[in-house]
């Protein structure tokens, strides 16, 4: 086992494997500092209704839907 400590290629491999599997978990709460989307609830609901209406109006033309 002592041989492994003195083997640079093995140390590099172990470090590479460690970095590939390392996960950093940040458990701190997110905080919204400034909202810049420009969307109100009413505007968002309007966009959804328009999209739904478009789908309903063009249902026969939209194969994917």
C-alpha atoms as a PDB file:
ATOM      1  CA  UNK A   1       0.000   0.000   0.000  1.00  0.00           C
ATOM      2  CA  UNK A   2       2.894   2.351   0.652  1.00  0.00           C
ATOM      3  CA  UNK A   3       3.835   1.939  -3.029  1.00  0.00           C
ATOM      4  CA  UNK A   4       0.534   3.593  -4.002  1.00  0.00           C
ATOM      5  CA  UNK A   5       1.425   6.759  -2.077  1.00  0.00           C
ATOM      6  CA  UNK A   6       4.645   7.114  -4.066  1.00  0.00           C
ATOM      7  CA  UNK A   7       3.062   6.418  -7.458  1.00  0.00           C
ATOM      8  CA  UNK A   8       2.265   9.805  -9.084  1.00  0.00           C
ATOM      9  CA  UNK A   9       0.068   8.298 -11.808  1.00  0.00           C
ATOM     10  CA  UNK A  10      -2.047   6.474  -9.245  1.00  0.00           C
ATOM     11  CA  UNK A  11      -2.373   9.635  -7.132  1.00  0.00           C
ATOM     12  CA  UNK A  12      -3.474  11.585 -10.233  1.00  0.00           C
ATOM     13  CA  UNK A  13      -6.009   8.896 -11.094  1.00  0.00           C
ATOM     14  CA  UNK A  14      -7.429   8.871  -7.566  1.00  0.00           C
ATOM     15  CA  UNK A  15      -7.666  12.666  -7.533  1.00  0.00           C
ATOM     16  CA  UNK A  16      -9.369  12.676 -10.923  1.00  0.00           C
ATOM     17  CA  UNK A  17     -11.892  10.086  -9.770  1.00  0.00           C
ATOM     18  CA  UNK A  18     -12.552  12.057  -6.604  1.00  0.00           C
ATOM     19  CA  UNK A  19     -13.203  15.271  -8.550  1.00  0.00           C
ATOM     20  CA  UNK A  20     -15.532  13.476 -10.998  1.00  0.00           C
ATOM     21  CA  UNK A  21     -17.709  12.118  -8.208  1.00  0.00           C
ATOM     22  CA  UNK A  22     -17.553  15.071  -5.813  1.00  0.00           C
ATOM     23  CA  UNK A  23     -20.829  16.829  -5.057  1.00  0.00           C
ATOM     24  CA  UNK A  24     -21.176  20.182  -3.376  1.00  0.00           C
ATOM     25  CA  UNK A  25     -24.527  20.672  -1.695  1.00  0.00           C
ATOM     26  CA  UNK A  26     -25.435  24.200  -0.727  1.00  0.00           C
ATOM     27  CA  UNK A  27     -28.184  24.084   1.886  1.00  0.00           C
ATOM     28  CA  UNK A  28     -28.449  27.837   2.328  1.00  0.00           C
ATOM     29  CA  UNK A  29     -31.773  29.405   1.426  1.00  0.00           C
ATOM     30  CA  UNK A  30     -32.086  31.299  -1.846  1.00  0.00           C
ATOM     31  CA  UNK A  31     -33.032  34.940  -1.580  1.00  0.00           C
ATOM     32  CA  UNK A  32     -34.608  37.016  -4.327  1.00  0.00           C
ATOM     33  CA  UNK A  33     -32.784  40.325  -4.307  1.00  0.00           C
ATOM     34  CA  UNK A  34     -34.509  42.035  -7.226  1.00  0.00           C
ATOM     35  CA  UNK A  35     -37.262  40.736  -9.509  1.00  0.00           C
ATOM     36  CA  UNK A  36     -36.725  41.800 -13.118  1.00  0.00           C
ATOM     37  CA  UNK A  37     -38.928  39.508 -15.171  1.00  0.00           C
ATOM     38  CA  UNK A  38     -41.526  42.195 -15.857  1.00  0.00           C
ATOM     39  CA  UNK A  39     -44.336  39.636 -15.619  1.00  0.00           C
ATOM     40  CA  UNK A  40     -47.278  40.097 -13.339  1.00  0.00           C
ATOM     41  CA  UNK A  41     -49.569  37.252 -12.401  1.00  0.00           C
ATOM     42  CA  UNK A  42     -52.209  38.686 -14.716  1.00  0.00           C
ATOM     43  CA  UNK A  43     -49.807  38.908 -17.658  1.00  0.00           C
ATOM     44  CA  UNK A  44     -48.620  35.337 -17.106  1.00  0.00           C
ATOM     45  CA  UNK A  45     -52.211  34.072 -16.918  1.00  0.00           C
ATOM     46  CA  UNK A  46     -53.022  35.971 -20.118  1.00  0.00           C
ATOM     47  CA  UNK A  47     -50.113  34.353 -21.965  1.00  0.00           C
ATOM     48  CA  UNK A  48     -51.237  30.912 -20.827  1.00  0.00           C
ATOM     49  CA  UNK A  49     -54.813  31.584 -21.950  1.00  0.00           C
ATOM     50  CA  UNK A  50     -53.580  32.844 -25.350  1.00  0.00           C
ATOM     51  CA  UNK A  51     -51.455  29.727 -25.799  1.00  0.00           C
ATOM     52  CA  UNK A  52     -54.366  27.473 -24.851  1.00  0.00           C
ATOM     53  CA  UNK A  53     -56.637  29.314 -27.275  1.00  0.00           C
ATOM     54  CA  UNK A  54     -54.085  28.995 -30.083  1.00  0.00           C
ATOM     55  CA  UNK A  55     -53.834  25.254 -29.470  1.00  0.00           C
ATOM     56  CA  UNK A  56     -57.612  24.904 -29.465  1.00  0.00           C
ATOM     57  CA  UNK A  57     -57.981  26.988 -32.642  1.00  0.00           C
ATOM     58  CA  UNK A  58     -55.278  25.060 -34.533  1.00  0.00           C
ATOM     59  CA  UNK A  59     -55.781  21.604 -33.085  1.00  0.00           C
ATOM     60  CA  UNK A  60     -56.165  19.969 -36.494  1.00  0.00           C
ATOM     61  CA  UNK A  61     -52.973  21.586 -37.770  1.00  0.00           C
ATOM     62  CA  UNK A  62     -50.733  20.638 -34.870  1.00  0.00           C
ATOM     63  CA  UNK A  63     -49.723  16.994 -35.237  1.00  0.00           C
ATOM     64  CA  UNK A  64     -47.439  17.028 -32.204  1.00  0.00           C
ATOM     65  CA  UNK A  65     -50.210  18.166 -29.892  1.00  0.00           C
END
